[in-house]
Each structure stands twice: as C-alpha cells, then as structure tokens.
Amino acid sequence: MSTEVKVPAVGESISSGLLSVWHKKDGDSVATGDVLFTLETDKVSSEVTATDSGTLAIQVPEGEEVKTGQVVATIGASDGAPAGDAKSAPPAPDKSAPEGAQAPAPAEDAQPTTDEAATSPKQDEVEASEPAEETA
C-alpha cells in the first residue's frame, strides 16, 4: 500500500492551481515533512510537504494545472513494506522461541504496575500507626 499525495485546499474560493516545481525527483526517498512540490494559485504560492516516508512516485509533471484533492504522486515504502504501516504494525513474533513457550518472568527489580503501586507500600516506606499519623 502507498500513501497518496494530494493537492491540498489552500483557500475557500480556490479549486485549482499550478504544480509549478517538484522539489524531489521521481524515485527519490522522502521523509515526513520534506517539501515535495510548490503549488501556485492566483492568490498564494505554497509548499506541500510529505505526510509519510518512503519512495516518491510522481504522477503529474511540473507545469500542470491541478485540482484540489487530485492525486499528484504516491509515496511507497522504500524497504518493501507498505508506507505508513511501520508505525502502526505490531512487532513480528519471535521465531527463535519454540511454539507454546512462555515469556520470561519479570525481573525482581521491575517497577510495579499502577495497580500494584496504588495498593502496596513502597519498599522504603513504612506505614505509620494511627497515633503517629495524628501527631504528624
């Protein structure tokens, strides 16, 4: 799967513009936030940035009139995985562990979960008796 690069809305009354300059070449690797192209209208000139990382595949050449929402390029993953999935995909299962094996027990010095911390005193804290609390 790839991420579509669309012409953004730049104003309420503007429905099209000129894709004046590509700042990246077809096949270039791009990162989120990289400037991809400049869109010019009769009122404004704006730079459009990448919303994902991967390899750029340009579909509309420089100098073409484009409409708001039109797909002008796609960004595909450069490592063979679909663009945008690297952040949201769960980690691959560990193939080195035999099937049915359990995860190792937590270390002795592991921090307690929030439920455990709320119900048990910390190791270095001592619970005060009622008379001590009244005088404190």
Protein backbone atom coordinates (compact mmCIF):
# COMPACT_ATOMS: atom_id res chain seq x y z
CA MET A 1 0.00 0.00 0.00
CA SER A 2 1.20 3.52 -0.67
CA THR A 3 0.28 6.95 0.59
CA GLU A 4 -1.39 9.30 -1.89
CA VAL A 5 -0.01 12.80 -2.22
CA LYS A 6 -2.97 15.08 -2.91
CA VAL A 7 -3.30 18.75 -3.77
CA PRO A 8 -4.37 20.45 -0.53
CA ALA A 9 -7.13 23.02 -0.20
CA VAL A 10 -5.41 26.40 0.02
CA GLY A 11 -8.40 28.69 0.22
CA GLU A 12 -12.16 28.72 0.30
CA SER A 13 -12.61 30.04 -3.22
CA ILE A 14 -9.59 28.28 -4.79
CA SER A 15 -10.33 24.98 -6.55
CA SER A 16 -7.18 24.55 -8.64
CA GLY A 17 -3.60 25.68 -9.03
CA LEU A 18 -0.38 25.16 -10.92
CA LEU A 19 2.03 22.48 -9.81
CA SER A 20 4.98 24.73 -10.54
CA VAL A 21 8.03 22.90 -9.17
CA TRP A 22 8.82 19.42 -7.89
CA HIS A 23 11.48 19.72 -5.16
CA LYS A 24 12.11 15.96 -5.28
CA LYS A 25 12.62 13.68 -8.29
CA ASP A 26 10.63 10.59 -9.21
CA GLY A 27 12.13 7.65 -7.28
CA ASP A 28 13.71 9.83 -4.57
CA SER A 29 13.47 8.75 -0.95
CA VAL A 30 11.46 11.23 1.08
CA ALA A 31 10.87 11.69 4.80
CA THR A 32 7.84 13.02 6.61
CA GLY A 33 7.98 16.82 6.43
CA ASP A 34 10.14 17.03 3.30
CA VAL A 35 8.96 19.67 0.81
CA LEU A 36 7.66 17.81 -2.25
CA PHE A 37 6.31 20.49 -4.58
CA THR A 38 5.20 24.11 -4.86
CA LEU A 39 1.58 24.86 -5.67
CA GLU A 40 0.84 28.28 -7.16
CA THR A 41 -2.56 29.93 -7.39
CA ASP A 42 -3.58 33.45 -8.33
CA LYS A 43 -3.61 34.31 -4.61
CA VAL A 44 -0.92 32.22 -2.92
CA SER A 45 2.13 30.06 -3.51
CA SER A 46 2.59 27.23 -1.02
CA GLU A 47 4.96 24.34 -0.46
CA VAL A 48 3.41 20.93 0.07
CA THR A 49 5.21 18.51 2.38
CA ALA A 50 5.31 14.73 2.66
CA THR A 51 2.97 13.15 5.20
CA ASP A 52 4.86 9.85 5.14
CA SER A 53 8.31 8.43 4.44
CA GLY A 54 9.27 6.24 1.50
CA THR A 55 9.93 6.41 -2.24
CA LEU A 56 8.24 9.14 -4.29
CA ALA A 57 6.38 8.17 -7.47
CA ILE A 58 5.37 11.34 -9.36
CA GLN A 59 2.15 11.11 -11.41
CA VAL A 60 1.73 14.74 -12.55
CA PRO A 61 4.62 16.68 -14.15
CA GLU A 62 5.67 20.25 -13.35
CA GLY A 63 3.67 22.98 -15.07
CA GLU A 64 0.36 21.10 -14.98
CA GLU A 65 -2.90 22.62 -13.72
CA VAL A 66 -4.16 20.51 -10.79
CA LYS A 67 -7.41 20.48 -8.84
CA THR A 68 -7.84 20.45 -5.06
CA GLY A 69 -7.82 16.84 -3.86
CA GLN A 70 -6.18 15.50 -7.03
CA VAL A 71 -3.54 12.79 -6.50
CA VAL A 72 -0.25 14.06 -7.93
CA ALA A 73 2.08 11.37 -6.55
CA THR A 74 2.34 8.42 -4.22
CA ILE A 75 4.83 7.56 -1.51
CA GLY A 76 5.62 3.87 -1.30
CA ALA A 77 7.78 2.18 1.30
CA SER A 78 11.44 2.08 0.38
CA ASP A 79 12.09 -1.16 2.33
CA GLY A 80 9.42 -3.28 0.67
CA ALA A 81 6.84 -2.76 3.44
CA PRO A 82 3.76 -0.62 2.79
CA ALA A 83 4.23 3.07 3.55
CA GLY A 84 2.73 4.21 6.82
CA ASP A 85 2.45 0.70 8.26
CA ALA A 86 5.80 0.72 10.05
CA LYS A 87 4.46 2.89 12.87
CA SER A 88 1.21 1.03 13.44
CA ALA A 89 2.15 -2.60 12.71
CA PRO A 90 2.64 -4.87 15.71
CA PRO A 91 6.12 -6.35 16.09
CA ALA A 92 6.72 -9.63 14.32
CA PRO A 93 6.57 -12.69 16.56
CA ASP A 94 9.90 -14.06 17.75
CA LYS A 95 10.59 -17.09 15.55
CA SER A 96 13.54 -18.26 17.73
CA ALA A 97 11.31 -19.27 20.67
CA PRO A 98 9.58 -22.63 20.37
CA GLU A 99 5.84 -22.53 19.87
CA GLY A 100 3.95 -22.57 23.18
CA ALA A 101 6.93 -21.26 25.15
CA GLN A 102 6.12 -18.69 27.80
CA ALA A 103 7.69 -15.28 28.09
CA PRO A 104 10.34 -14.96 30.81
CA ALA A 105 9.18 -13.79 34.24
CA PRO A 106 9.74 -10.10 35.04
CA ALA A 107 12.97 -9.17 36.79
CA GLU A 108 12.98 -8.83 40.58
CA ASP A 109 13.71 -5.09 40.37
CA ALA A 110 10.90 -4.43 37.89
CA GLN A 111 8.68 -1.47 38.64
CA PRO A 112 5.20 -2.36 39.92
CA THR A 113 2.23 -1.71 37.70
CA THR A 114 -0.02 1.22 38.57
CA ASP A 115 -2.48 -1.13 40.31
CA GLU A 116 0.27 -2.68 42.43
CA ALA A 117 1.75 0.73 43.28
CA ALA A 118 -1.62 2.02 44.45
CA THR A 119 -2.35 -0.91 46.76
CA SER A 120 1.03 -1.76 48.26
CA PRO A 121 3.51 0.47 50.14
CA LYS A 122 6.85 1.17 48.50
CA GLN A 123 9.82 -0.81 49.81
CA ASP A 124 11.44 2.17 51.52
CA GLU A 125 8.19 3.49 53.04
CA VAL A 126 6.89 2.43 56.41
CA GLU A 127 3.21 2.65 57.22
CA ALA A 128 2.63 4.91 60.21
CA SER A 129 0.46 3.79 63.10
CA GLU A 130 -2.67 5.79 63.93
CA PRO A 131 -1.11 7.72 66.87
CA ALA A 132 1.90 8.66 64.73
CA GLU A 133 -0.39 9.99 61.98
CA GLU A 134 -2.30 12.14 64.48
CA THR A 135 0.88 13.82 65.74
CA ALA A 136 2.41 14.33 62.34
